[in-house]
């Protein structure tokens, strides 16, 4: 398994796969998403006004209907994706490395193939806005990977830009006859069962030099429904005690709820870190299971 997160060893070829092969996928989904049952219904909330203040960087995947999943339909989707997104600028060396998104200056160039479909060339580099705070990556793992990010602690603005940009992109696909795949049970449909629901990972980079050495660090993360990884991506370890803290859930909680968990959880961990810096105990601050 992965040293930091729970991984899944299967992918879906299209949205129908989750129904046709439900005997395989239902148990995987239930184990990966904390007991999420075949009868459960997912909640969706992309109203940024519902988020309380905090800081971080949301990242989300989406799959348009009628294009197939990335494992079987990447080549076709790469040629047939609606226009509109390419008016943004190609990724440049100044765009920071974020959560598996390589800039040309950091990793020698955008990968020429998708990890889900090695024989299919991507052909479309990541695109970003003028401020380099909003990025769209076509055919990276899913059909779309949308990222909103900035330095500092203004998650309210980051999430607002994320929600507004995502809705505008969805309108482009709807007009082209390819709305994002969504069901009442699984929420947004993505290639990997681990990303079903919101497909969202809201991450905050934070230094936890003392808390990360505390014997209950892992338990605290679990109780807050959060996960940790290195700031260089999913397969990296923390350097200098700087962690990328993000929501562990994708399914069963709305986008606002998941980002709010990150905001509240990071705030609590920063308060714990300050206590430990002063050599004070944090036993009374350890939260109950969310």
C-alpha atoms as a PDB file:
ATOM      1  CA  UNK A   1       0.000   0.000   0.000  1.00  0.00           C
ATOM      2  CA  UNK A   2       0.866   3.689  -0.103  1.00  0.00           C
ATOM      3  CA  UNK A   3       2.830   5.081   2.869  1.00  0.00           C
ATOM      4  CA  UNK A   4       0.431   7.993   3.406  1.00  0.00           C
ATOM      5  CA  UNK A   5      -2.992   7.293   1.862  1.00  0.00           C
ATOM      6  CA  UNK A   6      -5.351   4.386   1.149  1.00  0.00           C
ATOM      7  CA  UNK A   7      -5.028   3.335  -2.483  1.00  0.00           C
ATOM      8  CA  UNK A   8      -7.419   1.412  -4.749  1.00  0.00           C
ATOM      9  CA  UNK A   9      -6.280  -1.234  -7.225  1.00  0.00           C
ATOM     10  CA  UNK A  10      -9.048  -0.941  -9.826  1.00  0.00           C
ATOM     11  CA  UNK A  11     -10.448   1.655 -12.210  1.00  0.00           C
ATOM     12  CA  UNK A  12     -13.700   2.057 -14.155  1.00  0.00           C
ATOM     13  CA  UNK A  13     -13.889   2.280 -17.941  1.00  0.00           C
ATOM     14  CA  UNK A  14     -17.016   4.457 -17.908  1.00  0.00           C
ATOM     15  CA  UNK A  15     -19.933   5.417 -15.657  1.00  0.00           C
ATOM     16  CA  UNK A  16     -21.852   2.236 -16.549  1.00  0.00           C
ATOM     17  CA  UNK A  17     -18.990   0.130 -15.156  1.00  0.00           C
ATOM     18  CA  UNK A  18     -20.000   1.026 -11.606  1.00  0.00           C
ATOM     19  CA  UNK A  19     -23.403  -0.558 -12.251  1.00  0.00           C
ATOM     20  CA  UNK A  20     -22.424  -3.438 -14.562  1.00  0.00           C
ATOM     21  CA  UNK A  21     -19.602  -4.517 -12.246  1.00  0.00           C
ATOM     22  CA  UNK A  22     -21.198  -3.454  -8.974  1.00  0.00           C
ATOM     23  CA  UNK A  23     -20.368  -6.802  -7.348  1.00  0.00           C
ATOM     24  CA  UNK A  24     -16.725  -5.744  -7.648  1.00  0.00           C
ATOM     25  CA  UNK A  25     -17.041  -1.999  -7.099  1.00  0.00           C
ATOM     26  CA  UNK A  26     -19.598  -1.835  -4.257  1.00  0.00           C
ATOM     27  CA  UNK A  27     -17.368  -3.599  -1.683  1.00  0.00           C
ATOM     28  CA  UNK A  28     -14.365  -1.524  -2.809  1.00  0.00           C
ATOM     29  CA  UNK A  29     -16.362   1.690  -2.465  1.00  0.00           C
ATOM     30  CA  UNK A  30     -17.681   0.641   0.933  1.00  0.00           C
ATOM     31  CA  UNK A  31     -14.183  -0.154   2.252  1.00  0.00           C
ATOM     32  CA  UNK A  32     -12.537   2.947   0.773  1.00  0.00           C
ATOM     33  CA  UNK A  33     -15.244   5.409   1.825  1.00  0.00           C
ATOM     34  CA  UNK A  34     -15.845   4.463   5.446  1.00  0.00           C
ATOM     35  CA  UNK A  35     -18.758   2.063   5.072  1.00  0.00           C
ATOM     36  CA  UNK A  36     -20.600   3.940   2.315  1.00  0.00           C
ATOM     37  CA  UNK A  37     -23.479   1.604   1.421  1.00  0.00           C
ATOM     38  CA  UNK A  38     -25.065   0.904  -1.995  1.00  0.00           C
ATOM     39  CA  UNK A  39     -28.249   2.584  -0.719  1.00  0.00           C
ATOM     40  CA  UNK A  40     -26.542   5.783   0.481  1.00  0.00           C
ATOM     41  CA  UNK A  41     -26.964   9.105  -1.327  1.00  0.00           C
ATOM     42  CA  UNK A  42     -24.218  11.642  -1.899  1.00  0.00           C
ATOM     43  CA  UNK A  43     -24.494  15.377  -1.157  1.00  0.00           C
ATOM     44  CA  UNK A  44     -23.234  18.071  -3.554  1.00  0.00           C
ATOM     45  CA  UNK A  45     -22.694  21.709  -2.530  1.00  0.00           C
ATOM     46  CA  UNK A  46     -20.611  24.096  -4.653  1.00  0.00           C
ATOM     47  CA  UNK A  47     -21.946  27.279  -3.051  1.00  0.00           C
ATOM     48  CA  UNK A  48     -18.749  28.992  -1.908  1.00  0.00           C
ATOM     49  CA  UNK A  49     -20.766  31.313   0.341  1.00  0.00           C
ATOM     50  CA  UNK A  50     -21.363  28.357   2.684  1.00  0.00           C
ATOM     51  CA  UNK A  51     -17.650  28.055   3.533  1.00  0.00           C
ATOM     52  CA  UNK A  52     -16.255  29.694   6.654  1.00  0.00           C
ATOM     53  CA  UNK A  53     -12.891  31.457   6.381  1.00  0.00           C
ATOM     54  CA  UNK A  54      -9.645  29.481   6.091  1.00  0.00           C
ATOM     55  CA  UNK A  55      -6.671  28.824   3.766  1.00  0.00           C
ATOM     56  CA  UNK A  56      -5.680  26.163   1.186  1.00  0.00           C
ATOM     57  CA  UNK A  57      -5.851  24.880  -2.402  1.00  0.00           C
ATOM     58  CA  UNK A  58      -8.746  22.803  -3.782  1.00  0.00           C
ATOM     59  CA  UNK A  59      -8.092  20.328  -6.596  1.00  0.00           C
ATOM     60  CA  UNK A  60     -10.798  18.332  -8.351  1.00  0.00           C
ATOM     61  CA  UNK A  61     -11.332  15.822 -11.145  1.00  0.00           C
ATOM     62  CA  UNK A  62     -14.277  15.587 -13.545  1.00  0.00           C
ATOM     63  CA  UNK A  63     -15.433  13.193 -16.281  1.00  0.00           C
ATOM     64  CA  UNK A  64     -17.818  14.321 -19.072  1.00  0.00           C
ATOM     65  CA  UNK A  65     -20.622  11.987 -20.164  1.00  0.00           C
ATOM     66  CA  UNK A  66     -20.526   9.982 -23.398  1.00  0.00           C
ATOM     67  CA  UNK A  67     -16.736  10.107 -23.725  1.00  0.00           C
ATOM     68  CA  UNK A  68     -15.988   6.916 -21.820  1.00  0.00           C
ATOM     69  CA  UNK A  69     -13.617   6.676 -18.864  1.00  0.00           C
ATOM     70  CA  UNK A  70      -9.963   7.509 -19.310  1.00  0.00           C
ATOM     71  CA  UNK A  71      -8.884   3.834 -19.468  1.00  0.00           C
ATOM     72  CA  UNK A  72     -10.882   3.234 -22.661  1.00  0.00           C
ATOM     73  CA  UNK A  73     -11.711   6.689 -24.002  1.00  0.00           C
ATOM     74  CA  UNK A  74      -8.703   8.935 -23.519  1.00  0.00           C
ATOM     75  CA  UNK A  75      -7.668   9.160 -27.155  1.00  0.00           C
ATOM     76  CA  UNK A  76     -11.210   9.912 -28.292  1.00  0.00           C
ATOM     77  CA  UNK A  77     -11.783  12.432 -25.502  1.00  0.00           C
ATOM     78  CA  UNK A  78      -8.509  14.172 -26.195  1.00  0.00           C
ATOM     79  CA  UNK A  79      -9.659  14.929 -29.724  1.00  0.00           C
ATOM     80  CA  UNK A  80     -13.249  15.720 -28.909  1.00  0.00           C
ATOM     81  CA  UNK A  81     -13.181  17.876 -25.767  1.00  0.00           C
ATOM     82  CA  UNK A  82     -15.150  21.125 -26.195  1.00  0.00           C
ATOM     83  CA  UNK A  83     -13.283  24.330 -26.962  1.00  0.00           C
ATOM     84  CA  UNK A  84     -13.055  27.172 -24.466  1.00  0.00           C
ATOM     85  CA  UNK A  85     -10.433  25.959 -22.013  1.00  0.00           C
ATOM     86  CA  UNK A  86      -7.508  26.250 -24.512  1.00  0.00           C
ATOM     87  CA  UNK A  87      -7.852  30.043 -24.468  1.00  0.00           C
ATOM     88  CA  UNK A  88      -5.971  29.911 -21.182  1.00  0.00           C
ATOM     89  CA  UNK A  89      -2.167  30.019 -21.270  1.00  0.00           C
ATOM     90  CA  UNK A  90      -0.028  26.818 -21.316  1.00  0.00           C
ATOM     91  CA  UNK A  91       1.663  25.921 -18.042  1.00  0.00           C
ATOM     92  CA  UNK A  92       4.938  27.769 -17.449  1.00  0.00           C
ATOM     93  CA  UNK A  93       7.979  27.298 -15.184  1.00  0.00           C
ATOM     94  CA  UNK A  94       6.601  29.926 -12.790  1.00  0.00           C
ATOM     95  CA  UNK A  95       3.596  27.784 -11.883  1.00  0.00           C
ATOM     96  CA  UNK A  96       4.488  26.077  -8.588  1.00  0.00           C
ATOM     97  CA  UNK A  97       4.569  22.294  -8.258  1.00  0.00           C
ATOM     98  CA  UNK A  98       1.285  21.331  -6.644  1.00  0.00           C
ATOM     99  CA  UNK A  99      -0.084  17.940  -5.667  1.00  0.00           C
ATOM    100  CA  UNK A 100       1.256  15.936  -8.608  1.00  0.00           C
ATOM    101  CA  UNK A 101       1.027  18.767 -11.152  1.00  0.00           C
ATOM    102  CA  UNK A 102       4.562  19.144 -12.545  1.00  0.00           C
ATOM    103  CA  UNK A 103       5.706  22.449 -13.942  1.00  0.00           C
ATOM    104  CA  UNK A 104       8.278  22.353 -16.700  1.00  0.00           C
ATOM    105  CA  UNK A 105      10.879  23.913 -14.450  1.00  0.00           C
ATOM    106  CA  UNK A 106      10.493  21.332 -11.715  1.00  0.00           C
ATOM    107  CA  UNK A 107      10.168  17.980 -13.427  1.00  0.00           C
ATOM    108  CA  UNK A 108      11.446  18.468 -16.958  1.00  0.00           C
ATOM    109  CA  UNK A 109       8.074  18.731 -18.662  1.00  0.00           C
ATOM    110  CA  UNK A 110       4.480  17.588 -18.579  1.00  0.00           C
ATOM    111  CA  UNK A 111       4.150  13.786 -18.816  1.00  0.00           C
ATOM    112  CA  UNK A 112       3.541  12.772 -22.466  1.00  0.00           C
ATOM    113  CA  UNK A 113       1.137   9.973 -21.523  1.00  0.00           C
ATOM    114  CA  UNK A 114      -1.596   9.338 -18.998  1.00  0.00           C
ATOM    115  CA  UNK A 115      -0.881   6.919 -16.138  1.00  0.00           C
ATOM    116  CA  UNK A 116      -4.343   5.437 -16.763  1.00  0.00           C
ATOM    117  CA  UNK A 117      -3.758   4.905 -20.479  1.00  0.00           C
ATOM    118  CA  UNK A 118      -0.018   4.720 -21.288  1.00  0.00           C
ATOM    119  CA  UNK A 119      -0.500   4.166 -25.029  1.00  0.00           C
ATOM    120  CA  UNK A 120      -2.524   7.379 -25.469  1.00  0.00           C
ATOM    121  CA  UNK A 121      -0.688  10.700 -25.919  1.00  0.00           C
ATOM    122  CA  UNK A 122      -2.081  13.606 -23.956  1.00  0.00           C
ATOM    123  CA  UNK A 123      -1.358  16.357 -26.458  1.00  0.00           C
ATOM    124  CA  UNK A 124      -2.933  19.059 -24.251  1.00  0.00           C
ATOM    125  CA  UNK A 125      -0.685  20.704 -21.622  1.00  0.00           C
ATOM    126  CA  UNK A 126      -2.122  22.196 -18.428  1.00  0.00           C
ATOM    127  CA  UNK A 127      -3.573  25.680 -18.886  1.00  0.00           C
ATOM    128  CA  UNK A 128      -3.670  28.510 -16.367  1.00  0.00           C
ATOM    129  CA  UNK A 129      -5.150  31.973 -15.945  1.00  0.00           C
ATOM    130  CA  UNK A 130      -3.054  35.153 -16.073  1.00  0.00           C
ATOM    131  CA  UNK A 131      -2.498  35.121 -12.317  1.00  0.00           C
ATOM    132  CA  UNK A 132      -1.526  31.432 -12.373  1.00  0.00           C
ATOM    133  CA  UNK A 133      -4.011  30.694  -9.610  1.00  0.00           C
ATOM    134  CA  UNK A 134      -6.450  28.574 -11.649  1.00  0.00           C
ATOM    135  CA  UNK A 135      -5.350  25.597 -13.758  1.00  0.00           C
ATOM    136  CA  UNK A 136      -7.074  23.059 -15.989  1.00  0.00           C
ATOM    137  CA  UNK A 137      -5.358  19.830 -17.003  1.00  0.00           C
ATOM    138  CA  UNK A 138      -6.978  17.719 -19.734  1.00  0.00           C
ATOM    139  CA  UNK A 139      -6.498  13.920 -19.746  1.00  0.00           C
ATOM    140  CA  UNK A 140      -4.060  13.736 -16.843  1.00  0.00           C
ATOM    141  CA  UNK A 141      -5.809  11.001 -14.875  1.00  0.00           C
ATOM    142  CA  UNK A 142      -9.440  11.816 -15.476  1.00  0.00           C
ATOM    143  CA  UNK A 143     -10.734  13.834 -18.425  1.00  0.00           C
ATOM    144  CA  UNK A 144     -10.334  17.037 -16.425  1.00  0.00           C
ATOM    145  CA  UNK A 145      -8.260  18.074 -13.436  1.00  0.00           C
ATOM    146  CA  UNK A 146      -9.174  21.540 -12.137  1.00  0.00           C
ATOM    147  CA  UNK A 147      -6.983  23.319  -9.586  1.00  0.00           C
ATOM    148  CA  UNK A 148      -7.365  26.606  -7.729  1.00  0.00           C
ATOM    149  CA  UNK A 149      -4.419  27.699  -5.610  1.00  0.00           C
ATOM    150  CA  UNK A 150      -2.506  30.636  -4.170  1.00  0.00           C
ATOM    151  CA  UNK A 151      -0.019  31.402  -1.442  1.00  0.00           C
ATOM    152  CA  UNK A 152      -1.322  32.625   1.889  1.00  0.00           C
ATOM    153  CA  UNK A 153      -4.348  31.632   3.924  1.00  0.00           C
ATOM    154  CA  UNK A 154      -7.342  32.918   1.975  1.00  0.00           C
ATOM    155  CA  UNK A 155      -9.257  29.689   1.355  1.00  0.00           C
ATOM    156  CA  UNK A 156     -12.477  31.682   0.991  1.00  0.00           C
ATOM    157  CA  UNK A 157     -11.155  33.317  -2.185  1.00  0.00           C
ATOM    158  CA  UNK A 158      -9.450  30.141  -3.420  1.00  0.00           C
ATOM    159  CA  UNK A 159     -12.681  28.165  -3.026  1.00  0.00           C
ATOM    160  CA  UNK A 160     -14.764  30.948  -4.597  1.00  0.00           C
ATOM    161  CA  UNK A 161     -12.525  31.008  -7.669  1.00  0.00           C
ATOM    162  CA  UNK A 162     -12.622  27.225  -7.765  1.00  0.00           C
ATOM    163  CA  UNK A 163     -16.428  26.976  -7.663  1.00  0.00           C
ATOM    164  CA  UNK A 164     -16.991  29.790 -10.180  1.00  0.00           C
ATOM    165  CA  UNK A 165     -14.389  28.425 -12.603  1.00  0.00           C
ATOM    166  CA  UNK A 166     -15.637  24.853 -12.325  1.00  0.00           C
ATOM    167  CA  UNK A 167     -19.227  25.893 -13.037  1.00  0.00           C
ATOM    168  CA  UNK A 168     -18.146  27.867 -16.108  1.00  0.00           C
ATOM    169  CA  UNK A 169     -16.205  24.886 -17.433  1.00  0.00           C
ATOM    170  CA  UNK A 170     -19.188  22.607 -16.847  1.00  0.00           C
ATOM    171  CA  UNK A 171     -21.378  24.979 -18.867  1.00  0.00           C
ATOM    172  CA  UNK A 172     -18.988  24.608 -21.821  1.00  0.00           C
ATOM    173  CA  UNK A 173     -19.314  20.824 -21.658  1.00  0.00           C
ATOM    174  CA  UNK A 174     -23.095  20.947 -21.223  1.00  0.00           C
ATOM    175  CA  UNK A 175     -23.472  23.064 -24.355  1.00  0.00           C
ATOM    176  CA  UNK A 176     -21.366  20.503 -26.228  1.00  0.00           C
ATOM    177  CA  UNK A 177     -23.625  17.677 -25.022  1.00  0.00           C
ATOM    178  CA  UNK A 178     -21.186  16.279 -22.447  1.00  0.00           C
ATOM    179  CA  UNK A 179     -22.321  17.239 -18.909  1.00  0.00           C
ATOM    180  CA  UNK A 180     -20.162  15.936 -16.090  1.00  0.00           C
ATOM    181  CA  UNK A 181     -21.033  12.370 -15.070  1.00  0.00           C
ATOM    182  CA  UNK A 182     -23.069  12.396 -11.851  1.00  0.00           C
ATOM    183  CA  UNK A 183     -25.463  10.075 -10.017  1.00  0.00           C
ATOM    184  CA  UNK A 184     -27.477  10.497  -6.851  1.00  0.00           C
ATOM    185  CA  UNK A 185     -25.655   7.562  -5.252  1.00  0.00           C
ATOM    186  CA  UNK A 186     -22.026   8.122  -6.300  1.00  0.00           C
ATOM    187  CA  UNK A 187     -21.975  11.858  -6.940  1.00  0.00           C
ATOM    188  CA  UNK A 188     -19.484  12.806  -9.648  1.00  0.00           C
ATOM    189  CA  UNK A 189     -18.192   9.748 -11.503  1.00  0.00           C
ATOM    190  CA  UNK A 190     -14.425   9.470 -11.925  1.00  0.00           C
ATOM    191  CA  UNK A 191     -12.007   6.818 -13.136  1.00  0.00           C
ATOM    192  CA  UNK A 192     -10.772   5.698  -9.717  1.00  0.00           C
ATOM    193  CA  UNK A 193     -13.321   4.646  -7.060  1.00  0.00           C
ATOM    194  CA  UNK A 194     -11.289   6.587  -4.487  1.00  0.00           C
ATOM    195  CA  UNK A 195     -12.345   9.878  -6.122  1.00  0.00           C
ATOM    196  CA  UNK A 196     -16.079   9.219  -6.441  1.00  0.00           C
ATOM    197  CA  UNK A 197     -18.381  11.785  -4.859  1.00  0.00           C
ATOM    198  CA  UNK A 198     -16.800  15.213  -5.017  1.00  0.00           C
ATOM    199  CA  UNK A 199     -13.513  14.193  -6.642  1.00  0.00           C
ATOM    200  CA  UNK A 200     -12.103  17.004  -4.517  1.00  0.00           C
ATOM    201  CA  UNK A 201      -8.913  17.300  -2.498  1.00  0.00           C
ATOM    202  CA  UNK A 202      -8.501  20.534  -0.566  1.00  0.00           C
ATOM    203  CA  UNK A 203      -4.897  20.815   0.607  1.00  0.00           C
ATOM    204  CA  UNK A 204      -3.056  23.194   2.928  1.00  0.00           C
ATOM    205  CA  UNK A 205       0.725  23.329   3.292  1.00  0.00           C
ATOM    206  CA  UNK A 206       1.608  23.742   6.961  1.00  0.00           C
ATOM    207  CA  UNK A 207       4.694  23.229   9.115  1.00  0.00           C
ATOM    208  CA  UNK A 208       4.009  20.905  12.060  1.00  0.00           C
ATOM    209  CA  UNK A 209       7.461  20.348  13.480  1.00  0.00           C
ATOM    210  CA  UNK A 210       6.314  19.451  16.976  1.00  0.00           C
ATOM    211  CA  UNK A 211       2.868  17.977  16.353  1.00  0.00           C
ATOM    212  CA  UNK A 212       4.223  15.584  13.718  1.00  0.00           C
ATOM    213  CA  UNK A 213       6.474  14.076  16.408  1.00  0.00           C
ATOM    214  CA  UNK A 214       3.603  13.657  18.850  1.00  0.00           C
ATOM    215  CA  UNK A 215       2.592   9.995  19.402  1.00  0.00           C
ATOM    216  CA  UNK A 216      -1.058  10.832  18.682  1.00  0.00           C
ATOM    217  CA  UNK A 217      -0.458  12.722  15.424  1.00  0.00           C
ATOM    218  CA  UNK A 218      -1.879   9.951  13.244  1.00  0.00           C
ATOM    219  CA  UNK A 219      -4.876   9.526  15.539  1.00  0.00           C
ATOM    220  CA  UNK A 220      -5.575  13.266  15.441  1.00  0.00           C
ATOM    221  CA  UNK A 221      -5.583  13.220  11.644  1.00  0.00           C
ATOM    222  CA  UNK A 222      -7.928  10.240  11.589  1.00  0.00           C
ATOM    223  CA  UNK A 223     -10.342  11.850  14.037  1.00  0.00           C
ATOM    224  CA  UNK A 224     -10.397  15.037  11.951  1.00  0.00           C
ATOM    225  CA  UNK A 225     -10.974  12.968   8.774  1.00  0.00           C
ATOM    226  CA  UNK A 226      -7.774  14.353   7.276  1.00  0.00           C
ATOM    227  CA  UNK A 227      -4.700  12.865   5.607  1.00  0.00           C
ATOM    228  CA  UNK A 228      -1.098  13.993   5.186  1.00  0.00           C
ATOM    229  CA  UNK A 229       1.442  13.819   2.385  1.00  0.00           C
ATOM    230  CA  UNK A 230       4.545  15.678   1.262  1.00  0.00           C
ATOM    231  CA  UNK A 231       4.229  19.027  -0.492  1.00  0.00           C
ATOM    232  CA  UNK A 232       5.744  17.618  -3.698  1.00  0.00           C
ATOM    233  CA  UNK A 233       2.837  15.293  -4.477  1.00  0.00           C
ATOM    234  CA  UNK A 234       1.149  12.080  -3.432  1.00  0.00           C
ATOM    235  CA  UNK A 235       4.320   9.987  -3.424  1.00  0.00           C
ATOM    236  CA  UNK A 236       6.561  12.382  -1.499  1.00  0.00           C
ATOM    237  CA  UNK A 237       7.495  12.570   2.161  1.00  0.00           C
ATOM    238  CA  UNK A 238       7.365  15.781   4.188  1.00  0.00           C
ATOM    239  CA  UNK A 239      10.513  17.894   4.067  1.00  0.00           C
ATOM    240  CA  UNK A 240      11.317  20.128   7.013  1.00  0.00           C
ATOM    241  CA  UNK A 241       8.112  18.993   8.772  1.00  0.00           C
ATOM    242  CA  UNK A 242       6.010  20.784   6.121  1.00  0.00           C
ATOM    243  CA  UNK A 243       2.968  18.660   5.286  1.00  0.00           C
ATOM    244  CA  UNK A 244       0.194  18.875   2.723  1.00  0.00           C
ATOM    245  CA  UNK A 245      -2.895  18.311   4.884  1.00  0.00           C
ATOM    246  CA  UNK A 246      -6.106  17.471   3.019  1.00  0.00           C
ATOM    247  CA  UNK A 247      -9.529  15.866   3.358  1.00  0.00           C
ATOM    248  CA  UNK A 248      -9.515  12.062   3.501  1.00  0.00           C
ATOM    249  CA  UNK A 249     -13.140  11.792   2.308  1.00  0.00           C
ATOM    250  CA  UNK A 250     -14.541  12.213  -1.183  1.00  0.00           C
ATOM    251  CA  UNK A 251     -17.890  10.425  -0.956  1.00  0.00           C
ATOM    252  CA  UNK A 252     -20.759  11.062   1.461  1.00  0.00           C
ATOM    253  CA  UNK A 253     -19.795  14.662   2.296  1.00  0.00           C
ATOM    254  CA  UNK A 254     -20.335  17.718   0.103  1.00  0.00           C
ATOM    255  CA  UNK A 255     -17.566  19.886  -1.340  1.00  0.00           C
ATOM    256  CA  UNK A 256     -18.212  22.589   1.258  1.00  0.00           C
ATOM    257  CA  UNK A 257     -18.227  20.054   4.104  1.00  0.00           C
ATOM    258  CA  UNK A 258     -14.929  18.502   2.990  1.00  0.00           C
ATOM    259  CA  UNK A 259     -13.132  21.826   2.595  1.00  0.00           C
ATOM    260  CA  UNK A 260     -14.564  22.995   5.928  1.00  0.00           C
ATOM    261  CA  UNK A 261     -13.057  19.925   7.590  1.00  0.00           C
ATOM    262  CA  UNK A 262      -9.665  20.961   6.244  1.00  0.00           C
ATOM    263  CA  UNK A 263     -10.099  24.577   7.372  1.00  0.00           C
ATOM    264  CA  UNK A 264     -11.207  23.643  10.888  1.00  0.00           C
ATOM    265  CA  UNK A 265      -8.742  20.772  11.245  1.00  0.00           C
ATOM    266  CA  UNK A 266      -5.684  22.763  10.170  1.00  0.00           C
ATOM    267  CA  UNK A 267      -6.686  25.607  12.471  1.00  0.00           C
ATOM    268  CA  UNK A 268      -6.828  23.184  15.402  1.00  0.00           C
ATOM    269  CA  UNK A 269      -3.494  21.580  14.504  1.00  0.00           C
ATOM    270  CA  UNK A 270      -1.796  24.980  14.294  1.00  0.00           C
ATOM    271  CA  UNK A 271      -3.103  25.752  17.783  1.00  0.00           C
ATOM    272  CA  UNK A 272      -1.734  22.394  18.960  1.00  0.00           C
ATOM    273  CA  UNK A 273       1.611  23.142  17.350  1.00  0.00           C
ATOM    274  CA  UNK A 274       1.855  26.456  19.198  1.00  0.00           C
ATOM    275  CA  UNK A 275       1.089  24.715  22.502  1.00  0.00           C
ATOM    276  CA  UNK A 276       3.777  22.111  21.902  1.00  0.00           C
ATOM    277  CA  UNK A 277       6.287  24.835  20.993  1.00  0.00           C
ATOM    278  CA  UNK A 278       5.714  26.203  24.473  1.00  0.00           C
ATOM    279  CA  UNK A 279       6.139  22.676  25.884  1.00  0.00           C
ATOM    280  CA  UNK A 280       2.511  22.565  27.007  1.00  0.00           C
ATOM    281  CA  UNK A 281       0.318  19.432  26.837  1.00  0.00           C
ATOM    282  CA  UNK A 282      -2.399  19.093  24.186  1.00  0.00           C
ATOM    283  CA  UNK A 283      -4.334  16.161  25.645  1.00  0.00           C
ATOM    284  CA  UNK A 284      -7.380  18.346  26.306  1.00  0.00           C
ATOM    285  CA  UNK A 285      -7.329  19.539  22.669  1.00  0.00           C
ATOM    286  CA  UNK A 286      -7.501  16.147  20.988  1.00  0.00           C
ATOM    287  CA  UNK A 287     -10.853  16.076  19.173  1.00  0.00           C
ATOM    288  CA  UNK A 288     -13.566  13.450  19.159  1.00  0.00           C
ATOM    289  CA  UNK A 289     -14.054  11.428  15.995  1.00  0.00           C
ATOM    290  CA  UNK A 290     -15.847  13.467  13.316  1.00  0.00           C
END
